[in-house]
C-alpha atoms as a PDB file:
ATOM      1  CA  UNK A   1      97.597 137.977  90.478  1.00  0.00           C
ATOM      2  CA  UNK A   2      94.264 139.579  91.397  1.00  0.00           C
ATOM      3  CA  UNK A   3      92.530 138.871  94.485  1.00  0.00           C
ATOM      4  CA  UNK A   4      89.990 136.750  92.504  1.00  0.00           C
ATOM      5  CA  UNK A   5      92.710 134.731  90.975  1.00  0.00           C
ATOM      6  CA  UNK A   6      94.313 134.258  94.474  1.00  0.00           C
ATOM      7  CA  UNK A   7      90.985 133.170  95.757  1.00  0.00           C
ATOM      8  CA  UNK A   8      90.231 130.590  93.306  1.00  0.00           C
ATOM      9  CA  UNK A   9      93.930 129.231  93.567  1.00  0.00           C
ATOM     10  CA  UNK A  10      93.590 128.901  97.528  1.00  0.00           C
ATOM     11  CA  UNK A  11      90.118 127.328  97.117  1.00  0.00           C
ATOM     12  CA  UNK A  12      91.162 124.846  94.550  1.00  0.00           C
ATOM     13  CA  UNK A  13      94.362 124.023  96.627  1.00  0.00           C
ATOM     14  CA  UNK A  14      92.297 123.353  99.794  1.00  0.00           C
ATOM     15  CA  UNK A  15      89.729 121.229  97.797  1.00  0.00           C
ATOM     16  CA  UNK A  16      92.522 119.158  96.608  1.00  0.00           C
ATOM     17  CA  UNK A  17      94.302 118.714  99.798  1.00  0.00           C
ATOM     18  CA  UNK A  18      91.121 117.867 101.475  1.00  0.00           C
ATOM     19  CA  UNK A  19      90.545 115.118  99.042  1.00  0.00           C
ATOM     20  CA  UNK A  20      93.941 113.726  99.115  1.00  0.00           C
ATOM     21  CA  UNK A  21      93.397 113.197 102.877  1.00  0.00           C
ATOM     22  CA  UNK A  22      89.873 111.596 102.156  1.00  0.00           C
ATOM     23  CA  UNK A  23      88.203 114.309 104.379  1.00  0.00           C
ATOM     24  CA  UNK A  24      84.451 115.648 103.608  1.00  0.00           C
ATOM     25  CA  UNK A  25      83.805 119.330 103.691  1.00  0.00           C
ATOM     26  CA  UNK A  26      81.752 118.784 106.863  1.00  0.00           C
ATOM     27  CA  UNK A  27      84.527 116.900 108.673  1.00  0.00           C
ATOM     28  CA  UNK A  28      87.059 119.723 107.448  1.00  0.00           C
ATOM     29  CA  UNK A  29      84.526 122.418 109.002  1.00  0.00           C
ATOM     30  CA  UNK A  30      84.396 120.313 112.161  1.00  0.00           C
ATOM     31  CA  UNK A  31      88.182 120.033 112.624  1.00  0.00           C
ATOM     32  CA  UNK A  32      88.476 123.746 112.217  1.00  0.00           C
ATOM     33  CA  UNK A  33      85.733 125.007 113.753  1.00  0.00           C
ATOM     34  CA  UNK A  34      83.632 126.118 110.746  1.00  0.00           C
ATOM     35  CA  UNK A  35      80.482 124.889 109.060  1.00  0.00           C
ATOM     36  CA  UNK A  36      80.467 122.803 105.997  1.00  0.00           C
ATOM     37  CA  UNK A  37      79.170 125.642 104.056  1.00  0.00           C
ATOM     38  CA  UNK A  38      81.763 127.690 104.894  1.00  0.00           C
ATOM     39  CA  UNK A  39      84.199 125.308 103.615  1.00  0.00           C
ATOM     40  CA  UNK A  40      81.984 125.147 100.595  1.00  0.00           C
ATOM     41  CA  UNK A  41      82.259 128.554 100.035  1.00  0.00           C
ATOM     42  CA  UNK A  42      85.878 128.785 100.033  1.00  0.00           C
ATOM     43  CA  UNK A  43      86.528 126.048  98.032  1.00  0.00           C
ATOM     44  CA  UNK A  44      84.185 127.208  95.284  1.00  0.00           C
ATOM     45  CA  UNK A  45      85.651 130.675  95.398  1.00  0.00           C
ATOM     46  CA  UNK A  46      82.470 132.472  96.668  1.00  0.00           C
ATOM     47  CA  UNK A  47      84.337 133.859  99.557  1.00  0.00           C
ATOM     48  CA  UNK A  48      88.015 134.709 100.707  1.00  0.00           C
ATOM     49  CA  UNK A  49      89.090 133.382 103.937  1.00  0.00           C
ATOM     50  CA  UNK A  50      90.991 135.258 106.271  1.00  0.00           C
ATOM     51  CA  UNK A  51      94.441 134.355 107.277  1.00  0.00           C
ATOM     52  CA  UNK A  52      93.251 132.850 110.541  1.00  0.00           C
ATOM     53  CA  UNK A  53      90.888 130.956 108.905  1.00  0.00           C
ATOM     54  CA  UNK A  54      93.409 129.482 106.281  1.00  0.00           C
ATOM     55  CA  UNK A  55      95.742 128.809 109.400  1.00  0.00           C
ATOM     56  CA  UNK A  56      93.009 126.734 111.163  1.00  0.00           C
ATOM     57  CA  UNK A  57      92.249 124.884 107.697  1.00  0.00           C
ATOM     58  CA  UNK A  58      96.020 124.040 107.489  1.00  0.00           C
ATOM     59  CA  UNK A  59      96.092 122.779 111.070  1.00  0.00           C
ATOM     60  CA  UNK A  60      93.171 120.611 110.354  1.00  0.00           C
ATOM     61  CA  UNK A  61      94.575 119.309 107.236  1.00  0.00           C
ATOM     62  CA  UNK A  62      97.894 118.349 109.282  1.00  0.00           C
ATOM     63  CA  UNK A  63     100.107 120.303 106.847  1.00  0.00           C
ATOM     64  CA  UNK A  64     102.440 123.438 106.865  1.00  0.00           C
ATOM     65  CA  UNK A  65     100.729 126.685 106.394  1.00  0.00           C
ATOM     66  CA  UNK A  66     102.820 127.709 103.173  1.00  0.00           C
ATOM     67  CA  UNK A  67     101.515 124.285 101.625  1.00  0.00           C
ATOM     68  CA  UNK A  68      98.202 126.185 101.033  1.00  0.00           C
ATOM     69  CA  UNK A  69      99.992 128.520  98.504  1.00  0.00           C
ATOM     70  CA  UNK A  70     101.915 125.805  96.613  1.00  0.00           C
ATOM     71  CA  UNK A  71     100.210 125.937  93.335  1.00  0.00           C
END
């Protein structure tokens, strides 16, 4: 798997989990200390999130970190 493919899978997974919890991008950003635009860029594969950002997103979604990688 390439870096781009991984970024796409993680972005899609975050979007899926966020929508399942009925949370907006703005709300997710607020919950994990980022802005809406940063969440949007991650979900749309424009930037790759670092490990700590993924960790804060998982915490904000109230899921185990590993759940972000179940695709």
